[in-house]
C-alpha cells in the first residue's frame, strides 16, 4: 500500500486497551487490532497463529492484562509491544501491521 491511510484517532483507543478496524482490500479485506500503550500504538492482524481464529471474545473486545493480549479461544498470550507468543498454544507470534501515529491519527506506516 503506497498511500498513508488513516485507521482511527489515537484517542479512540483506550490507553492499555485495543480496538479492531476492518481494512477493505481487493482480496476481501481483513481485521486489524490496534493496541495502545501511552503514545504508542501497535498493529496486528486479528488472527491467532494457533488456529487462525480471531483474538477477540466478542467483536472488538479483547482480553488484555499486564502488557499481554490473550486469545479468547485458547488462552495463548502475546506481548502487546512485539506480538511475540509468551505462553499457550502457539508456535509463532502475531502478524504485525505497520502503523504510525501522526498528528493524533493512527495510520498505516
N, C-alpha and C. Protein backbone atom coordinates (compact mmCIF):
# COMPACT_ATOMS: atom_id res chain seq x y z
N UNK A 1 0.85 -1.17 0.00
CA UNK A 1 0.00 0.00 0.00
C UNK A 1 0.89 1.23 0.00
N UNK A 2 0.80 2.08 -1.01
CA UNK A 2 1.68 3.22 -1.15
C UNK A 2 1.21 4.44 -0.37
N UNK A 3 -0.06 4.71 -0.32
CA UNK A 3 -0.53 5.90 0.36
C UNK A 3 -0.78 5.63 1.83
N UNK A 4 -0.57 6.66 2.64
CA UNK A 4 -0.82 6.54 4.07
C UNK A 4 -2.32 6.62 4.30
N UNK A 5 -2.86 5.69 5.05
CA UNK A 5 -4.30 5.60 5.26
C UNK A 5 -4.61 5.76 6.74
N UNK A 6 -5.55 6.64 7.07
CA UNK A 6 -5.95 6.84 8.45
C UNK A 6 -6.83 5.68 8.89
N UNK A 7 -6.45 5.05 10.02
CA UNK A 7 -7.22 3.94 10.57
C UNK A 7 -8.17 4.41 11.67
N UNK A 8 -7.72 5.37 12.49
CA UNK A 8 -8.54 5.93 13.56
C UNK A 8 -7.76 7.08 14.20
N UNK A 9 -8.35 7.71 15.19
CA UNK A 9 -7.63 8.68 16.02
C UNK A 9 -7.09 7.93 17.23
N UNK A 10 -5.94 8.35 17.74
CA UNK A 10 -5.34 7.65 18.87
C UNK A 10 -6.25 7.67 20.09
N UNK A 11 -7.02 8.75 20.27
CA UNK A 11 -7.90 8.83 21.44
C UNK A 11 -9.12 7.92 21.34
N UNK A 12 -9.31 7.25 20.21
CA UNK A 12 -10.37 6.24 20.07
C UNK A 12 -9.95 4.90 20.66
N UNK A 13 -8.64 4.74 20.93
CA UNK A 13 -8.12 3.51 21.52
C UNK A 13 -7.88 3.78 23.00
N UNK A 14 -8.53 3.05 23.90
CA UNK A 14 -8.28 3.26 25.33
C UNK A 14 -6.81 2.97 25.66
N UNK A 15 -6.20 3.80 26.53
CA UNK A 15 -4.83 3.53 26.95
C UNK A 15 -4.78 2.17 27.63
N UNK A 16 -3.83 1.34 27.25
CA UNK A 16 -3.68 -0.05 27.70
C UNK A 16 -4.83 -0.93 27.20
N UNK A 17 -5.50 -0.50 26.15
CA UNK A 17 -6.61 -1.25 25.57
C UNK A 17 -6.41 -1.44 24.08
N UNK A 18 -7.49 -1.86 23.42
CA UNK A 18 -7.42 -2.16 21.99
C UNK A 18 -8.76 -1.96 21.32
N UNK A 19 -8.71 -1.75 20.02
CA UNK A 19 -9.90 -1.74 19.17
C UNK A 19 -9.56 -2.55 17.92
N UNK A 20 -10.58 -2.89 17.16
CA UNK A 20 -10.34 -3.52 15.87
C UNK A 20 -10.89 -2.61 14.78
N UNK A 21 -10.24 -2.63 13.65
CA UNK A 21 -10.71 -1.90 12.48
C UNK A 21 -10.69 -2.85 11.29
N UNK A 22 -11.67 -2.69 10.44
CA UNK A 22 -11.78 -3.51 9.22
C UNK A 22 -11.08 -2.78 8.09
N UNK A 23 -10.21 -3.48 7.38
CA UNK A 23 -9.50 -2.92 6.25
C UNK A 23 -10.03 -3.59 4.99
N UNK A 24 -10.63 -2.83 4.12
CA UNK A 24 -11.11 -3.38 2.86
C UNK A 24 -9.94 -3.50 1.89
N UNK A 25 -9.97 -4.55 1.09
CA UNK A 25 -8.95 -4.74 0.08
C UNK A 25 -9.55 -5.47 -1.11
N UNK A 26 -8.80 -5.56 -2.18
CA UNK A 26 -9.28 -6.24 -3.38
C UNK A 26 -9.45 -7.73 -3.16
N UNK A 27 -8.86 -8.27 -2.10
CA UNK A 27 -8.97 -9.70 -1.81
C UNK A 27 -9.99 -9.99 -0.72
N UNK A 28 -10.81 -9.01 -0.36
CA UNK A 28 -11.87 -9.23 0.63
C UNK A 28 -11.67 -8.53 1.95
N UNK A 29 -10.45 -8.12 2.25
CA UNK A 29 -10.21 -7.38 3.47
C UNK A 29 -9.83 -8.24 4.66
N UNK A 30 -9.54 -7.57 5.77
CA UNK A 30 -9.11 -8.24 6.99
C UNK A 30 -9.30 -7.29 8.17
N UNK A 31 -9.21 -7.85 9.38
CA UNK A 31 -9.33 -7.05 10.59
C UNK A 31 -7.97 -6.85 11.22
N UNK A 32 -7.77 -5.64 11.74
CA UNK A 32 -6.53 -5.27 12.41
C UNK A 32 -6.86 -4.92 13.85
N UNK A 33 -6.01 -5.39 14.77
CA UNK A 33 -6.10 -4.97 16.17
C UNK A 33 -5.14 -3.81 16.35
N UNK A 34 -5.63 -2.72 16.92
CA UNK A 34 -4.77 -1.60 17.28
C UNK A 34 -4.72 -1.54 18.79
N UNK A 35 -3.53 -1.72 19.36
CA UNK A 35 -3.33 -1.73 20.80
C UNK A 35 -2.53 -0.49 21.19
N UNK A 36 -2.94 0.14 22.27
CA UNK A 36 -2.29 1.38 22.68
C UNK A 36 -1.63 1.22 24.05
N UNK A 37 -0.40 1.73 24.14
CA UNK A 37 0.32 1.87 25.40
C UNK A 37 0.86 3.29 25.43
N UNK A 38 0.14 4.17 26.14
CA UNK A 38 0.53 5.58 26.18
C UNK A 38 0.42 6.22 24.81
N UNK A 39 1.54 6.74 24.31
CA UNK A 39 1.56 7.39 22.99
C UNK A 39 1.91 6.42 21.87
N UNK A 40 2.14 5.15 22.19
CA UNK A 40 2.50 4.17 21.18
C UNK A 40 1.29 3.33 20.80
N UNK A 41 1.21 2.99 19.51
CA UNK A 41 0.16 2.11 19.01
C UNK A 41 0.83 0.98 18.23
N UNK A 42 0.35 -0.23 18.49
CA UNK A 42 0.87 -1.43 17.83
C UNK A 42 -0.27 -2.06 17.03
N UNK A 43 0.03 -2.51 15.82
CA UNK A 43 -0.99 -3.12 14.97
C UNK A 43 -0.65 -4.55 14.60
N UNK A 44 -1.67 -5.41 14.66
CA UNK A 44 -1.52 -6.83 14.30
C UNK A 44 -2.78 -7.31 13.59
N UNK A 45 -2.64 -8.33 12.76
CA UNK A 45 -3.81 -8.98 12.19
C UNK A 45 -4.60 -9.60 13.33
N UNK A 46 -5.92 -9.52 13.28
CA UNK A 46 -6.77 -10.10 14.31
C UNK A 46 -6.93 -11.59 14.03
N UNK A 47 -5.83 -12.31 14.22
CA UNK A 47 -5.83 -13.74 13.95
C UNK A 47 -4.78 -14.42 14.82
N UNK A 48 -5.22 -15.38 15.59
CA UNK A 48 -4.30 -16.15 16.43
C UNK A 48 -3.56 -17.16 15.54
N UNK A 49 -2.23 -17.25 15.66
CA UNK A 49 -1.50 -18.20 14.82
C UNK A 49 -1.75 -19.66 15.19
N UNK A 50 -2.39 -19.92 16.31
CA UNK A 50 -2.66 -21.30 16.72
C UNK A 50 -3.64 -21.99 15.78
N UNK A 51 -4.84 -21.38 15.59
CA UNK A 51 -5.82 -21.99 14.70
C UNK A 51 -6.51 -20.99 13.78
N UNK A 52 -5.96 -19.78 13.69
CA UNK A 52 -6.49 -18.79 12.77
C UNK A 52 -7.77 -18.11 13.22
N UNK A 53 -8.15 -18.29 14.49
CA UNK A 53 -9.37 -17.64 14.99
C UNK A 53 -9.07 -16.22 15.42
N UNK A 54 -10.11 -15.39 15.44
CA UNK A 54 -9.96 -14.02 15.93
C UNK A 54 -9.58 -14.05 17.40
N UNK A 55 -8.86 -13.03 17.84
CA UNK A 55 -8.42 -12.96 19.23
C UNK A 55 -9.49 -12.40 20.16
N UNK A 56 -10.45 -11.65 19.62
CA UNK A 56 -11.46 -11.02 20.47
C UNK A 56 -12.51 -12.03 20.93
N UNK A 57 -13.08 -11.76 22.13
CA UNK A 57 -14.11 -12.66 22.67
C UNK A 57 -15.49 -12.32 22.15
N UNK A 58 -15.73 -11.09 21.80
CA UNK A 58 -16.86 -10.62 21.00
C UNK A 58 -16.25 -9.58 20.06
N UNK A 59 -16.88 -9.27 18.95
CA UNK A 59 -16.25 -8.35 18.01
C UNK A 59 -15.78 -7.04 18.65
N UNK A 60 -14.46 -6.80 18.52
CA UNK A 60 -13.87 -5.56 19.01
C UNK A 60 -13.55 -5.52 20.50
N UNK A 61 -13.76 -6.62 21.22
CA UNK A 61 -13.47 -6.67 22.67
C UNK A 61 -12.37 -7.69 22.92
N UNK A 62 -11.29 -7.24 23.54
CA UNK A 62 -10.11 -8.06 23.72
C UNK A 62 -9.74 -8.22 25.19
N UNK A 63 -9.11 -9.35 25.51
CA UNK A 63 -8.59 -9.60 26.85
C UNK A 63 -7.14 -9.13 26.88
N UNK A 64 -6.87 -8.08 27.67
CA UNK A 64 -5.53 -7.53 27.76
C UNK A 64 -5.19 -7.38 29.24
N UNK A 65 -4.01 -7.90 29.61
CA UNK A 65 -3.58 -7.81 31.01
C UNK A 65 -2.06 -7.78 31.06
N UNK A 66 -1.52 -6.85 31.84
CA UNK A 66 -0.07 -6.77 32.07
C UNK A 66 0.74 -6.73 30.78
N UNK A 67 0.29 -5.94 29.80
CA UNK A 67 1.04 -5.81 28.55
C UNK A 67 0.96 -7.00 27.64
N UNK A 68 -0.06 -7.85 27.87
CA UNK A 68 -0.24 -9.04 27.03
C UNK A 68 -1.67 -9.08 26.52
N UNK A 69 -1.83 -9.52 25.28
CA UNK A 69 -3.15 -9.76 24.74
C UNK A 69 -3.36 -11.28 24.74
N UNK A 70 -4.54 -11.68 25.17
CA UNK A 70 -4.83 -13.10 25.37
C UNK A 70 -5.87 -13.54 24.34
N UNK A 71 -5.59 -14.63 23.65
CA UNK A 71 -6.54 -15.19 22.70
C UNK A 71 -7.74 -15.74 23.47
N UNK A 72 -8.91 -15.26 23.14
CA UNK A 72 -10.13 -15.67 23.85
C UNK A 72 -10.49 -17.14 23.60
N UNK A 73 -10.03 -17.70 22.49
CA UNK A 73 -10.40 -19.08 22.16
C UNK A 73 -9.60 -20.11 22.95
N UNK A 74 -8.28 -19.96 23.01
CA UNK A 74 -7.45 -21.00 23.62
C UNK A 74 -6.45 -20.48 24.65
N UNK A 75 -6.45 -19.19 24.95
CA UNK A 75 -5.63 -18.64 26.01
C UNK A 75 -4.18 -18.35 25.67
N UNK A 76 -3.78 -18.43 24.42
CA UNK A 76 -2.41 -18.06 24.06
C UNK A 76 -2.20 -16.59 24.41
N UNK A 77 -0.98 -16.26 24.88
CA UNK A 77 -0.68 -14.88 25.29
C UNK A 77 0.44 -14.31 24.44
N UNK A 78 0.25 -13.05 24.03
CA UNK A 78 1.20 -12.37 23.15
C UNK A 78 1.57 -11.01 23.76
N UNK A 79 2.83 -10.63 23.65
CA UNK A 79 3.25 -9.31 24.11
C UNK A 79 2.65 -8.23 23.21
N UNK A 80 2.04 -7.23 23.82
CA UNK A 80 1.47 -6.12 23.06
C UNK A 80 2.56 -5.42 22.25
N UNK A 81 3.73 -5.24 22.84
CA UNK A 81 4.79 -4.45 22.21
C UNK A 81 5.48 -5.12 21.03
N UNK A 82 5.38 -6.46 20.91
CA UNK A 82 6.09 -7.15 19.84
C UNK A 82 5.25 -8.18 19.09
N UNK A 83 4.16 -8.64 19.70
CA UNK A 83 3.36 -9.71 19.12
C UNK A 83 3.91 -11.08 19.40
N UNK A 84 5.05 -11.17 20.12
CA UNK A 84 5.66 -12.46 20.42
C UNK A 84 4.76 -13.28 21.32
N UNK A 85 4.68 -14.58 21.04
CA UNK A 85 3.93 -15.51 21.88
C UNK A 85 4.75 -15.81 23.13
N UNK A 86 4.14 -15.66 24.30
CA UNK A 86 4.86 -15.91 25.55
C UNK A 86 4.29 -17.09 26.33
N UNK A 87 3.09 -17.56 25.98
CA UNK A 87 2.57 -18.78 26.60
C UNK A 87 1.34 -19.26 25.84
N UNK A 88 1.00 -20.52 26.08
CA UNK A 88 -0.19 -21.08 25.46
C UNK A 88 0.10 -21.77 24.14
N UNK A 89 -0.96 -22.21 23.49
CA UNK A 89 -0.81 -22.98 22.25
C UNK A 89 -0.54 -22.09 21.04
N UNK A 90 0.72 -21.81 20.80
CA UNK A 90 1.09 -21.06 19.58
C UNK A 90 2.54 -21.35 19.27
N UNK A 91 2.85 -21.45 18.00
CA UNK A 91 4.22 -21.74 17.60
C UNK A 91 4.96 -20.48 17.13
N UNK A 92 4.22 -19.43 16.85
CA UNK A 92 4.85 -18.17 16.46
C UNK A 92 3.96 -17.00 16.90
N UNK A 93 4.45 -15.79 16.68
CA UNK A 93 3.75 -14.60 17.15
C UNK A 93 2.70 -14.09 16.18
N UNK A 94 2.14 -12.95 16.55
CA UNK A 94 1.11 -12.30 15.75
C UNK A 94 1.74 -11.64 14.52
N UNK A 95 0.97 -11.57 13.44
CA UNK A 95 1.43 -10.92 12.21
C UNK A 95 1.26 -9.40 12.36
N UNK A 96 2.39 -8.70 12.32
CA UNK A 96 2.40 -7.25 12.53
C UNK A 96 1.83 -6.50 11.33
N UNK A 97 1.11 -5.43 11.63
CA UNK A 97 0.65 -4.48 10.63
C UNK A 97 1.34 -3.17 10.98
N UNK A 98 2.19 -2.65 10.09
CA UNK A 98 2.95 -1.44 10.43
C UNK A 98 2.04 -0.21 10.50
N UNK A 99 2.06 0.44 11.67
CA UNK A 99 1.27 1.66 11.87
C UNK A 99 2.16 2.73 12.49
N UNK A 100 1.72 3.97 12.36
CA UNK A 100 2.41 5.09 13.00
C UNK A 100 1.38 6.10 13.46
N UNK A 101 1.75 6.88 14.47
CA UNK A 101 0.89 7.94 14.98
C UNK A 101 1.42 9.26 14.46
N UNK A 102 0.54 10.03 13.83
CA UNK A 102 0.92 11.31 13.25
C UNK A 102 -0.22 12.30 13.43
N UNK A 103 0.04 13.38 14.14
CA UNK A 103 -1.00 14.40 14.34
C UNK A 103 -2.24 13.86 15.03
N UNK A 104 -2.07 12.91 15.95
CA UNK A 104 -3.20 12.34 16.67
C UNK A 104 -3.94 11.26 15.89
N UNK A 105 -3.49 10.94 14.68
CA UNK A 105 -4.13 9.91 13.87
C UNK A 105 -3.24 8.68 13.79
N UNK A 106 -3.88 7.52 13.79
CA UNK A 106 -3.15 6.26 13.58
C UNK A 106 -3.27 5.93 12.10
N UNK A 107 -2.12 5.73 11.46
CA UNK A 107 -2.06 5.50 10.02
C UNK A 107 -1.24 4.25 9.72
N UNK A 108 -1.50 3.65 8.55
CA UNK A 108 -0.57 2.65 8.04
C UNK A 108 0.77 3.31 7.91
N UNK A 109 1.84 2.61 8.29
CA UNK A 109 3.20 3.17 8.16
C UNK A 109 3.73 2.99 6.76
